[in-house]
Amino acid sequence: MNRPLLFLDVDGPLNPYAAKPERRPDGYTTLRVPWNRGTSDEPRGLSSRLRPLRVRLNPEHGRALLRLGYELCWATTWMDEANRWIGPVLGLPELPFVDFGDALFRDRPDGVHWKTVPLVEYADGHPFAWVDDEQSVLDELYVSTHHPGPGLLHHVDPRIGLREDDFRTLAHFARSLTDPAS
């Protein structure tokens, strides 16, 4: 792996789920995803009574992400389902994903987000950036203490999703790994 990893959360950065309907960011398309996506973790019969999940995606984000110079990897509760529902809308190839296994949604007593430890383990010392809407200072501290390589935790507002400034920050971080003068 020559390029740094970019861990991608879906809900928040790519799907600005907290945007008010009248303030939906420009350039987004709405996708309706059935709750029963072929997974066995939903209560039997419940998913058939729920309205489909509304997901807003900006198809331009795929090209922008591919130009950043990272190895892209899903870091989302969607896990491999992101390759089925999210990637095609964004024009992304099938991506690896972090399988959160037993850590999924499991609160930690130290306040570190449940994704943080599996992401550090997955990175295995390689430089990475992680875009999400749920990181905290505790996650930054955990990464700086337990990850020997460079790591950028980049918070994205779930009301607006990824914006140009976010892409610039990610590009700058990737360049800084090869050109310390950046």
N, C-alpha and C. Protein backbone atom coordinates (compact mmCIF):
# COMPACT_ATOMS: atom_id res chain seq x y z
N MET A 1 0.86 -1.18 0.00
CA MET A 1 0.00 0.00 0.00
C MET A 1 0.90 1.23 0.00
N ASN A 2 0.89 1.98 -1.09
CA ASN A 2 1.72 3.18 -1.21
C ASN A 2 0.96 4.44 -0.80
N ARG A 3 -0.33 4.43 -1.01
CA ARG A 3 -1.14 5.61 -0.71
C ARG A 3 -1.77 5.47 0.67
N PRO A 4 -2.07 6.60 1.31
CA PRO A 4 -2.75 6.51 2.61
C PRO A 4 -4.18 5.99 2.42
N LEU A 5 -4.73 5.47 3.49
CA LEU A 5 -6.13 5.03 3.50
C LEU A 5 -7.04 6.23 3.74
N LEU A 6 -8.21 6.18 3.13
CA LEU A 6 -9.26 7.14 3.46
C LEU A 6 -10.48 6.34 3.88
N PHE A 7 -10.75 6.37 5.19
CA PHE A 7 -11.91 5.68 5.74
C PHE A 7 -13.14 6.57 5.54
N LEU A 8 -14.15 6.03 4.85
CA LEU A 8 -15.34 6.79 4.50
C LEU A 8 -16.57 6.33 5.27
N ASP A 9 -17.11 7.24 6.05
CA ASP A 9 -18.41 7.00 6.65
C ASP A 9 -19.44 7.45 5.61
N VAL A 10 -20.61 6.84 5.62
CA VAL A 10 -21.66 7.21 4.66
C VAL A 10 -22.58 8.26 5.26
N ASP A 11 -23.25 7.94 6.35
CA ASP A 11 -24.28 8.82 6.91
C ASP A 11 -23.64 9.97 7.68
N GLY A 12 -23.75 11.13 7.11
CA GLY A 12 -23.10 12.34 7.63
C GLY A 12 -22.24 12.94 6.54
N PRO A 13 -21.09 12.34 6.23
CA PRO A 13 -20.23 12.90 5.19
C PRO A 13 -20.79 12.77 3.77
N LEU A 14 -21.23 11.60 3.37
CA LEU A 14 -21.73 11.40 2.01
C LEU A 14 -23.24 11.59 1.93
N ASN A 15 -23.94 11.22 2.96
CA ASN A 15 -25.39 11.39 3.06
C ASN A 15 -25.67 12.39 4.17
N PRO A 16 -25.88 13.67 3.84
CA PRO A 16 -26.13 14.66 4.89
C PRO A 16 -27.54 14.48 5.47
N TYR A 17 -27.66 13.44 6.28
CA TYR A 17 -28.97 13.03 6.80
C TYR A 17 -29.62 14.08 7.69
N ALA A 18 -28.84 14.96 8.27
CA ALA A 18 -29.41 15.95 9.19
C ALA A 18 -29.84 17.24 8.48
N ALA A 19 -29.68 17.30 7.15
CA ALA A 19 -30.12 18.49 6.40
C ALA A 19 -31.64 18.58 6.44
N LYS A 20 -32.13 19.76 6.63
CA LYS A 20 -33.58 19.96 6.58
C LYS A 20 -34.01 19.83 5.12
N PRO A 21 -35.19 19.24 4.89
CA PRO A 21 -35.63 19.04 3.51
C PRO A 21 -35.56 20.30 2.65
N GLU A 22 -35.90 21.45 3.23
CA GLU A 22 -35.88 22.69 2.46
C GLU A 22 -34.46 23.24 2.30
N ARG A 23 -33.48 22.63 2.99
CA ARG A 23 -32.10 23.10 2.91
C ARG A 23 -31.17 22.02 2.36
N ARG A 24 -31.72 21.08 1.62
CA ARG A 24 -30.90 20.01 1.06
C ARG A 24 -29.80 20.63 0.21
N PRO A 25 -28.56 20.20 0.40
CA PRO A 25 -27.46 20.76 -0.39
C PRO A 25 -27.67 20.54 -1.89
N ASP A 26 -27.19 21.50 -2.69
CA ASP A 26 -27.30 21.40 -4.15
C ASP A 26 -26.48 20.23 -4.67
N GLY A 27 -26.96 19.65 -5.77
CA GLY A 27 -26.22 18.59 -6.44
C GLY A 27 -26.50 17.19 -5.94
N TYR A 28 -27.38 17.05 -4.97
CA TYR A 28 -27.66 15.74 -4.38
C TYR A 28 -28.87 15.09 -5.04
N THR A 29 -28.83 13.78 -5.11
CA THR A 29 -29.94 13.00 -5.60
C THR A 29 -30.44 12.15 -4.43
N THR A 30 -31.70 11.82 -4.43
CA THR A 30 -32.27 11.04 -3.33
C THR A 30 -32.47 9.60 -3.77
N LEU A 31 -32.01 8.71 -2.95
CA LEU A 31 -32.11 7.28 -3.17
C LEU A 31 -32.99 6.71 -2.06
N ARG A 32 -33.88 5.81 -2.39
CA ARG A 32 -34.72 5.15 -1.38
C ARG A 32 -34.22 3.72 -1.23
N VAL A 33 -33.75 3.40 -0.03
CA VAL A 33 -33.18 2.09 0.23
C VAL A 33 -34.10 1.34 1.19
N PRO A 34 -34.54 0.14 0.82
CA PRO A 34 -35.41 -0.62 1.73
C PRO A 34 -34.66 -0.98 3.01
N TRP A 35 -35.35 -0.96 4.12
CA TRP A 35 -34.73 -1.33 5.39
C TRP A 35 -34.23 -2.76 5.34
N ASN A 36 -35.00 -3.61 4.71
CA ASN A 36 -34.59 -5.01 4.59
C ASN A 36 -33.68 -5.12 3.37
N ARG A 37 -32.38 -4.95 3.61
CA ARG A 37 -31.41 -4.96 2.52
C ARG A 37 -30.77 -6.33 2.39
N GLY A 38 -31.49 -7.36 2.81
CA GLY A 38 -30.92 -8.69 2.71
C GLY A 38 -30.05 -9.06 3.89
N THR A 39 -30.14 -8.27 4.96
CA THR A 39 -29.37 -8.59 6.15
C THR A 39 -30.27 -9.26 7.16
N SER A 40 -29.67 -9.98 8.06
CA SER A 40 -30.46 -10.73 9.05
C SER A 40 -30.50 -10.03 10.40
N ASP A 41 -29.99 -8.78 10.49
CA ASP A 41 -29.93 -8.13 11.79
C ASP A 41 -31.16 -7.29 12.11
N GLU A 42 -32.16 -7.28 11.25
CA GLU A 42 -33.38 -6.53 11.52
C GLU A 42 -34.45 -7.46 12.09
N PRO A 43 -35.25 -6.97 13.00
CA PRO A 43 -36.31 -7.81 13.55
C PRO A 43 -37.22 -8.31 12.43
N ARG A 44 -37.54 -9.57 12.47
CA ARG A 44 -38.37 -10.19 11.43
C ARG A 44 -39.72 -9.47 11.33
N GLY A 45 -40.07 -9.09 10.11
CA GLY A 45 -41.35 -8.45 9.86
C GLY A 45 -41.36 -6.95 10.06
N LEU A 46 -40.45 -6.40 10.88
CA LEU A 46 -40.45 -4.98 11.15
C LEU A 46 -40.09 -4.18 9.90
N SER A 47 -39.09 -4.64 9.14
CA SER A 47 -38.62 -3.87 7.99
C SER A 47 -39.71 -3.69 6.94
N SER A 48 -40.64 -4.62 6.83
CA SER A 48 -41.69 -4.49 5.82
C SER A 48 -42.68 -3.39 6.19
N ARG A 49 -42.71 -2.96 7.45
CA ARG A 49 -43.64 -1.90 7.87
C ARG A 49 -42.99 -0.53 7.86
N LEU A 50 -41.68 -0.47 7.71
CA LEU A 50 -40.98 0.81 7.73
C LEU A 50 -40.87 1.39 6.33
N ARG A 51 -40.96 2.72 6.26
CA ARG A 51 -40.74 3.38 4.98
C ARG A 51 -39.28 3.22 4.59
N PRO A 52 -38.98 3.19 3.29
CA PRO A 52 -37.59 3.07 2.87
C PRO A 52 -36.73 4.19 3.46
N LEU A 53 -35.49 3.89 3.65
CA LEU A 53 -34.52 4.85 4.17
C LEU A 53 -34.18 5.84 3.06
N ARG A 54 -34.28 7.12 3.36
CA ARG A 54 -33.94 8.15 2.38
C ARG A 54 -32.45 8.46 2.50
N VAL A 55 -31.74 8.33 1.40
CA VAL A 55 -30.31 8.60 1.37
C VAL A 55 -30.06 9.63 0.27
N ARG A 56 -29.40 10.71 0.66
CA ARG A 56 -29.06 11.77 -0.29
C ARG A 56 -27.58 11.65 -0.62
N LEU A 57 -27.28 11.59 -1.91
CA LEU A 57 -25.90 11.44 -2.35
C LEU A 57 -25.60 12.42 -3.48
N ASN A 58 -24.37 12.90 -3.51
CA ASN A 58 -23.92 13.78 -4.58
C ASN A 58 -23.03 12.96 -5.51
N PRO A 59 -23.49 12.65 -6.72
CA PRO A 59 -22.70 11.83 -7.64
C PRO A 59 -21.31 12.40 -7.94
N GLU A 60 -21.11 13.70 -7.79
CA GLU A 60 -19.80 14.31 -8.04
C GLU A 60 -18.77 13.91 -6.98
N HIS A 61 -19.23 13.48 -5.83
CA HIS A 61 -18.30 13.12 -4.76
C HIS A 61 -17.41 11.92 -5.13
N GLY A 62 -17.93 11.01 -5.93
CA GLY A 62 -17.13 9.86 -6.32
C GLY A 62 -15.87 10.26 -7.06
N ARG A 63 -16.03 11.09 -8.08
CA ARG A 63 -14.85 11.55 -8.84
C ARG A 63 -13.89 12.33 -7.95
N ALA A 64 -14.44 13.18 -7.11
CA ALA A 64 -13.60 13.99 -6.22
C ALA A 64 -12.80 13.09 -5.27
N LEU A 65 -13.44 12.05 -4.74
CA LEU A 65 -12.74 11.14 -3.83
C LEU A 65 -11.64 10.37 -4.56
N LEU A 66 -11.92 9.93 -5.77
CA LEU A 66 -10.93 9.17 -6.53
C LEU A 66 -9.71 10.01 -6.90
N ARG A 67 -9.87 11.32 -7.02
CA ARG A 67 -8.76 12.21 -7.37
C ARG A 67 -7.85 12.54 -6.18
N LEU A 68 -8.25 12.18 -4.98
CA LEU A 68 -7.51 12.61 -3.78
C LEU A 68 -6.18 11.88 -3.55
N GLY A 69 -5.99 10.73 -4.16
CA GLY A 69 -4.74 10.01 -3.96
C GLY A 69 -4.73 9.07 -2.77
N TYR A 70 -5.88 8.61 -2.37
CA TYR A 70 -6.01 7.67 -1.25
C TYR A 70 -6.44 6.30 -1.74
N GLU A 71 -6.22 5.30 -0.91
CA GLU A 71 -6.88 4.00 -1.04
C GLU A 71 -8.19 4.16 -0.28
N LEU A 72 -9.31 4.12 -0.97
CA LEU A 72 -10.61 4.33 -0.33
C LEU A 72 -11.09 3.05 0.35
N CYS A 73 -11.73 3.21 1.49
CA CYS A 73 -12.23 2.07 2.26
C CYS A 73 -13.49 2.52 3.01
N TRP A 74 -14.56 1.73 2.92
CA TRP A 74 -15.77 2.04 3.66
C TRP A 74 -15.53 1.84 5.16
N ALA A 75 -15.95 2.82 5.95
CA ALA A 75 -15.89 2.74 7.41
C ALA A 75 -17.26 3.18 7.92
N THR A 76 -18.24 2.33 7.70
CA THR A 76 -19.64 2.69 7.89
C THR A 76 -20.43 1.49 8.39
N THR A 77 -21.53 1.76 9.05
CA THR A 77 -22.42 0.66 9.46
C THR A 77 -23.00 -0.05 8.25
N TRP A 78 -22.94 0.57 7.08
CA TRP A 78 -23.40 -0.07 5.86
C TRP A 78 -22.47 -1.23 5.49
N MET A 79 -21.25 -1.19 5.96
CA MET A 79 -20.20 -2.16 5.64
C MET A 79 -20.24 -2.51 4.15
N ASP A 80 -20.32 -3.79 3.78
CA ASP A 80 -20.27 -4.18 2.37
C ASP A 80 -21.49 -3.70 1.58
N GLU A 81 -22.60 -3.43 2.26
CA GLU A 81 -23.80 -2.93 1.57
C GLU A 81 -23.54 -1.57 0.91
N ALA A 82 -22.51 -0.85 1.36
CA ALA A 82 -22.15 0.42 0.72
C ALA A 82 -21.74 0.17 -0.73
N ASN A 83 -21.14 -0.98 -1.01
CA ASN A 83 -20.77 -1.30 -2.39
C ASN A 83 -22.00 -1.53 -3.26
N ARG A 84 -23.08 -1.98 -2.67
CA ARG A 84 -24.31 -2.23 -3.43
C ARG A 84 -25.14 -0.97 -3.63
N TRP A 85 -25.29 -0.16 -2.58
CA TRP A 85 -26.22 0.96 -2.62
C TRP A 85 -25.56 2.32 -2.82
N ILE A 86 -24.39 2.54 -2.25
CA ILE A 86 -23.78 3.87 -2.26
C ILE A 86 -22.78 4.03 -3.40
N GLY A 87 -21.84 3.11 -3.50
CA GLY A 87 -20.78 3.18 -4.51
C GLY A 87 -21.28 3.40 -5.93
N PRO A 88 -22.28 2.64 -6.39
CA PRO A 88 -22.73 2.84 -7.78
C PRO A 88 -23.28 4.24 -8.06
N VAL A 89 -23.97 4.84 -7.09
CA VAL A 89 -24.50 6.19 -7.29
C VAL A 89 -23.36 7.20 -7.40
N LEU A 90 -22.28 6.94 -6.66
CA LEU A 90 -21.13 7.85 -6.66
C LEU A 90 -20.14 7.55 -7.78
N GLY A 91 -20.34 6.43 -8.47
CA GLY A 91 -19.39 6.04 -9.52
C GLY A 91 -18.11 5.46 -8.96
N LEU A 92 -18.18 4.88 -7.78
CA LEU A 92 -16.99 4.27 -7.16
C LEU A 92 -16.92 2.79 -7.50
N PRO A 93 -15.71 2.27 -7.65
CA PRO A 93 -15.57 0.83 -7.82
C PRO A 93 -15.88 0.13 -6.50
N GLU A 94 -15.95 -1.18 -6.52
CA GLU A 94 -16.14 -1.90 -5.27
C GLU A 94 -14.94 -1.62 -4.37
N LEU A 95 -15.23 -1.25 -3.14
CA LEU A 95 -14.19 -0.87 -2.19
C LEU A 95 -14.11 -1.88 -1.05
N PRO A 96 -12.94 -2.02 -0.45
CA PRO A 96 -12.87 -2.82 0.77
C PRO A 96 -13.66 -2.10 1.86
N PHE A 97 -14.01 -2.82 2.90
CA PHE A 97 -14.75 -2.22 4.01
C PHE A 97 -14.23 -2.78 5.32
N VAL A 98 -14.39 -2.00 6.36
CA VAL A 98 -14.03 -2.45 7.69
C VAL A 98 -15.23 -3.21 8.24
N ASP A 99 -15.01 -4.46 8.61
CA ASP A 99 -16.05 -5.27 9.23
C ASP A 99 -15.95 -5.02 10.73
N PHE A 100 -16.90 -4.29 11.27
CA PHE A 100 -16.83 -3.91 12.68
C PHE A 100 -17.18 -5.03 13.64
N GLY A 101 -17.75 -6.11 13.12
CA GLY A 101 -18.03 -7.28 13.95
C GLY A 101 -18.70 -6.94 15.26
N ASP A 102 -18.16 -7.45 16.35
CA ASP A 102 -18.75 -7.25 17.68
C ASP A 102 -18.64 -5.82 18.19
N ALA A 103 -17.79 -5.00 17.58
CA ALA A 103 -17.65 -3.61 18.01
C ALA A 103 -18.82 -2.74 17.55
N LEU A 104 -19.58 -3.21 16.57
CA LEU A 104 -20.66 -2.42 15.98
C LEU A 104 -21.61 -1.89 17.05
N PHE A 105 -21.68 -0.58 17.15
CA PHE A 105 -22.55 0.15 18.09
C PHE A 105 -22.27 -0.12 19.57
N ARG A 106 -21.17 -0.77 19.89
CA ARG A 106 -20.87 -1.08 21.28
C ARG A 106 -20.19 0.11 21.95
N ASP A 107 -20.89 0.72 22.93
CA ASP A 107 -20.32 1.85 23.66
C ASP A 107 -19.12 1.40 24.47
N ARG A 108 -18.12 2.28 24.53
CA ARG A 108 -16.91 2.02 25.32
C ARG A 108 -16.97 2.88 26.59
N PRO A 109 -16.51 2.35 27.71
CA PRO A 109 -16.56 3.13 28.94
C PRO A 109 -15.63 4.36 28.92
N ASP A 110 -14.60 4.34 28.05
CA ASP A 110 -13.68 5.47 27.99
C ASP A 110 -14.16 6.58 27.06
N GLY A 111 -15.32 6.40 26.40
CA GLY A 111 -15.88 7.42 25.54
C GLY A 111 -15.32 7.44 24.12
N VAL A 112 -14.37 6.55 23.82
CA VAL A 112 -13.84 6.46 22.46
C VAL A 112 -14.93 5.85 21.58
N HIS A 113 -15.09 6.41 20.37
CA HIS A 113 -16.13 5.92 19.46
C HIS A 113 -15.88 4.45 19.14
N TRP A 114 -16.94 3.70 18.96
CA TRP A 114 -16.82 2.26 18.71
C TRP A 114 -16.09 1.94 17.41
N LYS A 115 -16.02 2.88 16.46
CA LYS A 115 -15.29 2.63 15.20
C LYS A 115 -13.78 2.79 15.35
N THR A 116 -13.35 3.58 16.31
CA THR A 116 -11.95 4.00 16.37
C THR A 116 -10.96 2.85 16.47
N VAL A 117 -11.15 1.95 17.41
CA VAL A 117 -10.20 0.84 17.59
C VAL A 117 -10.15 -0.04 16.34
N PRO A 118 -11.29 -0.47 15.77
CA PRO A 118 -11.21 -1.27 14.55
C PRO A 118 -10.52 -0.54 13.39
N LEU A 119 -10.68 0.77 13.29
CA LEU A 119 -10.02 1.50 12.21
C LEU A 119 -8.52 1.54 12.41
N VAL A 120 -8.09 1.78 13.62
CA VAL A 120 -6.65 1.77 13.91
C VAL A 120 -6.06 0.39 13.64
N GLU A 121 -6.79 -0.65 14.03
CA GLU A 121 -6.32 -2.02 13.75
C GLU A 121 -6.26 -2.28 12.25
N TYR A 122 -7.27 -1.86 11.52
CA TYR A 122 -7.32 -2.07 10.07
C TYR A 122 -6.15 -1.33 9.39
N ALA A 123 -5.87 -0.10 9.82
CA ALA A 123 -4.80 0.69 9.22
C ALA A 123 -3.43 0.05 9.45
N ASP A 124 -3.27 -0.64 10.55
CA ASP A 124 -2.04 -1.39 10.84
C ASP A 124 -0.79 -0.54 10.64
N GLY A 125 -0.81 0.68 11.16
CA GLY A 125 0.35 1.55 11.09
C GLY A 125 0.45 2.42 9.85
N HIS A 126 -0.37 2.15 8.84
CA HIS A 126 -0.35 2.95 7.61
C HIS A 126 -1.02 4.30 7.85
N PRO A 127 -0.57 5.34 7.16
CA PRO A 127 -1.23 6.64 7.29
C PRO A 127 -2.69 6.55 6.85
N PHE A 128 -3.55 7.29 7.54
CA PHE A 128 -4.96 7.30 7.16
C PHE A 128 -5.62 8.61 7.51
N ALA A 129 -6.70 8.87 6.78
CA ALA A 129 -7.63 9.94 7.12
C ALA A 129 -8.98 9.26 7.31
N TRP A 130 -9.78 9.80 8.22
CA TRP A 130 -11.09 9.24 8.51
C TRP A 130 -12.11 10.37 8.51
N VAL A 131 -13.07 10.31 7.58
CA VAL A 131 -14.15 11.31 7.55
C VAL A 131 -15.39 10.71 8.19
N ASP A 132 -15.93 11.44 9.15
CA ASP A 132 -17.08 10.96 9.91
C ASP A 132 -17.73 12.18 10.56
N ASP A 133 -18.92 11.99 11.07
CA ASP A 133 -19.61 13.07 11.77
C ASP A 133 -19.71 12.81 13.27
N GLU A 134 -19.02 11.77 13.76
CA GLU A 134 -19.18 11.40 15.17
C GLU A 134 -17.87 11.32 15.95
N GLN A 135 -16.75 11.79 15.41
CA GLN A 135 -15.50 11.71 16.16
C GLN A 135 -15.44 12.77 17.24
N SER A 136 -14.59 12.51 18.21
CA SER A 136 -14.40 13.48 19.29
C SER A 136 -12.91 13.59 19.60
N VAL A 137 -12.61 14.46 20.53
CA VAL A 137 -11.23 14.64 20.98
C VAL A 137 -10.69 13.34 21.58
N LEU A 138 -11.57 12.52 22.16
CA LEU A 138 -11.14 11.23 22.72
C LEU A 138 -10.65 10.29 21.63
N ASP A 139 -11.28 10.35 20.46
CA ASP A 139 -10.84 9.52 19.34
C ASP A 139 -9.49 10.01 18.81
N GLU A 140 -9.32 11.31 18.73
CA GLU A 140 -8.03 11.86 18.30
C GLU A 140 -6.92 11.45 19.25
N LEU A 141 -7.20 11.51 20.54
CA LEU A 141 -6.22 11.10 21.53
C LEU A 141 -5.89 9.61 21.40
N TYR A 142 -6.91 8.79 21.20
CA TYR A 142 -6.69 7.36 21.04
C TYR A 142 -5.80 7.09 19.82
N VAL A 143 -6.10 7.73 18.71
CA VAL A 143 -5.32 7.52 17.48
C VAL A 143 -3.88 7.98 17.69
N SER A 144 -3.69 9.14 18.28
CA SER A 144 -2.32 9.65 18.47
C SER A 144 -1.52 8.77 19.43
N THR A 145 -2.21 8.09 20.33
CA THR A 145 -1.53 7.23 21.31
C THR A 145 -1.30 5.81 20.78
N HIS A 146 -2.22 5.29 19.99
CA HIS A 146 -2.17 3.88 19.59
C HIS A 146 -1.83 3.62 18.13
N HIS A 147 -1.72 4.67 17.34
CA HIS A 147 -1.43 4.49 15.91
C HIS A 147 -0.05 5.09 15.61
N PRO A 148 0.90 4.27 15.16
CA PRO A 148 2.26 4.78 14.95
C PRO A 148 2.42 5.67 13.71
N GLY A 149 1.48 5.62 12.78
CA GLY A 149 1.58 6.44 11.58
C GLY A 149 0.75 7.70 11.68
N PRO A 150 0.84 8.56 10.67
CA PRO A 150 0.01 9.76 10.66
C PRO A 150 -1.47 9.40 10.52
N GLY A 151 -2.30 10.15 11.21
CA GLY A 151 -3.75 9.94 11.14
C GLY A 151 -4.47 11.28 11.21
N LEU A 152 -5.42 11.45 10.33
CA LEU A 152 -6.25 12.66 10.32
C LEU A 152 -7.68 12.25 10.57
N LEU A 153 -8.27 12.75 11.63
CA LEU A 153 -9.70 12.55 11.89
C LEU A 153 -10.39 13.83 11.47
N HIS A 154 -11.17 13.74 10.41
CA HIS A 154 -11.80 14.93 9.85
C HIS A 154 -13.31 14.86 10.06
N HIS A 155 -13.80 15.78 10.88
CA HIS A 155 -15.23 15.85 11.18
C HIS A 155 -15.98 16.54 10.06
N VAL A 156 -17.12 15.96 9.67
CA VAL A 156 -17.98 16.54 8.64
C VAL A 156 -19.36 16.79 9.25
N ASP A 157 -19.87 17.98 9.03
CA ASP A 157 -21.18 18.36 9.55
C ASP A 157 -22.26 17.54 8.82
N PRO A 158 -23.08 16.76 9.55
CA PRO A 158 -24.09 15.92 8.91
C PRO A 158 -25.25 16.71 8.30
N ARG A 159 -25.27 18.03 8.52
CA ARG A 159 -26.31 18.86 7.90
C ARG A 159 -25.93 19.28 6.48
N ILE A 160 -24.61 19.22 6.17
CA ILE A 160 -24.17 19.69 4.85
C ILE A 160 -23.32 18.67 4.09
N GLY A 161 -22.80 17.65 4.75
CA GLY A 161 -21.98 16.65 4.07
C GLY A 161 -20.64 17.21 3.62
N LEU A 162 -19.93 16.40 2.84
CA LEU A 162 -18.63 16.81 2.33
C LEU A 162 -18.75 18.03 1.42
N ARG A 163 -17.87 19.00 1.63
CA ARG A 163 -17.84 20.23 0.84
C ARG A 163 -16.44 20.42 0.28
N GLU A 164 -16.26 21.45 -0.55
CA GLU A 164 -14.96 21.72 -1.17
C GLU A 164 -13.84 21.86 -0.14
N ASP A 165 -14.13 22.56 0.97
CA ASP A 165 -13.10 22.72 2.01
C ASP A 165 -12.65 21.38 2.57
N ASP A 166 -13.57 20.44 2.69
CA ASP A 166 -13.23 19.11 3.19
C ASP A 166 -12.30 18.40 2.21
N PHE A 167 -12.60 18.48 0.93
CA PHE A 167 -11.75 17.85 -0.08
C PHE A 167 -10.37 18.49 -0.08
N ARG A 168 -10.29 19.80 0.08
CA ARG A 168 -8.99 20.48 0.14
C ARG A 168 -8.18 20.01 1.35
N THR A 169 -8.84 19.89 2.49
CA THR A 169 -8.15 19.42 3.70
C THR A 169 -7.60 18.00 3.49
N LEU A 170 -8.42 17.13 2.91
CA LEU A 170 -7.98 15.75 2.67
C LEU A 170 -6.84 15.70 1.67
N ALA A 171 -6.92 16.49 0.60
CA ALA A 171 -5.84 16.53 -0.39
C ALA A 171 -4.55 17.05 0.23
N HIS A 172 -4.66 18.08 1.06
CA HIS A 172 -3.48 18.64 1.72
C HIS A 172 -2.82 17.60 2.62
N PHE A 173 -3.61 16.86 3.38
CA PHE A 173 -3.06 15.83 4.25
C PHE A 173 -2.32 14.77 3.43
N ALA A 174 -2.93 14.30 2.34
CA ALA A 174 -2.28 13.28 1.50
C ALA A 174 -0.97 13.82 0.93
N ARG A 175 -0.97 15.06 0.46
CA ARG A 175 0.27 15.65 -0.08
C ARG A 175 1.33 15.80 1.00
N SER A 176 0.92 16.13 2.21
CA SER A 176 1.88 16.35 3.30
C SER A 176 2.65 15.07 3.64
N LEU A 177 2.10 13.93 3.29
CA LEU A 177 2.77 12.67 3.60
C LEU A 177 3.94 12.41 2.66
N THR A 178 3.88 12.97 1.46
CA THR A 178 4.97 12.78 0.50
C THR A 178 5.83 14.01 0.34
N ASP A 179 5.27 15.19 0.68
CA ASP A 179 5.98 16.44 0.56
C ASP A 179 5.80 17.24 1.86
N PRO A 180 6.70 17.05 2.84
CA PRO A 180 6.53 17.70 4.14
C PRO A 180 6.44 19.21 4.05
N ALA A 181 6.83 19.83 2.93
CA ALA A 181 6.75 21.28 2.81
C ALA A 181 5.34 21.74 2.49
N SER A 182 4.41 20.81 2.17
CA SER A 182 3.03 21.20 1.83
C SER A 182 2.33 21.82 2.99
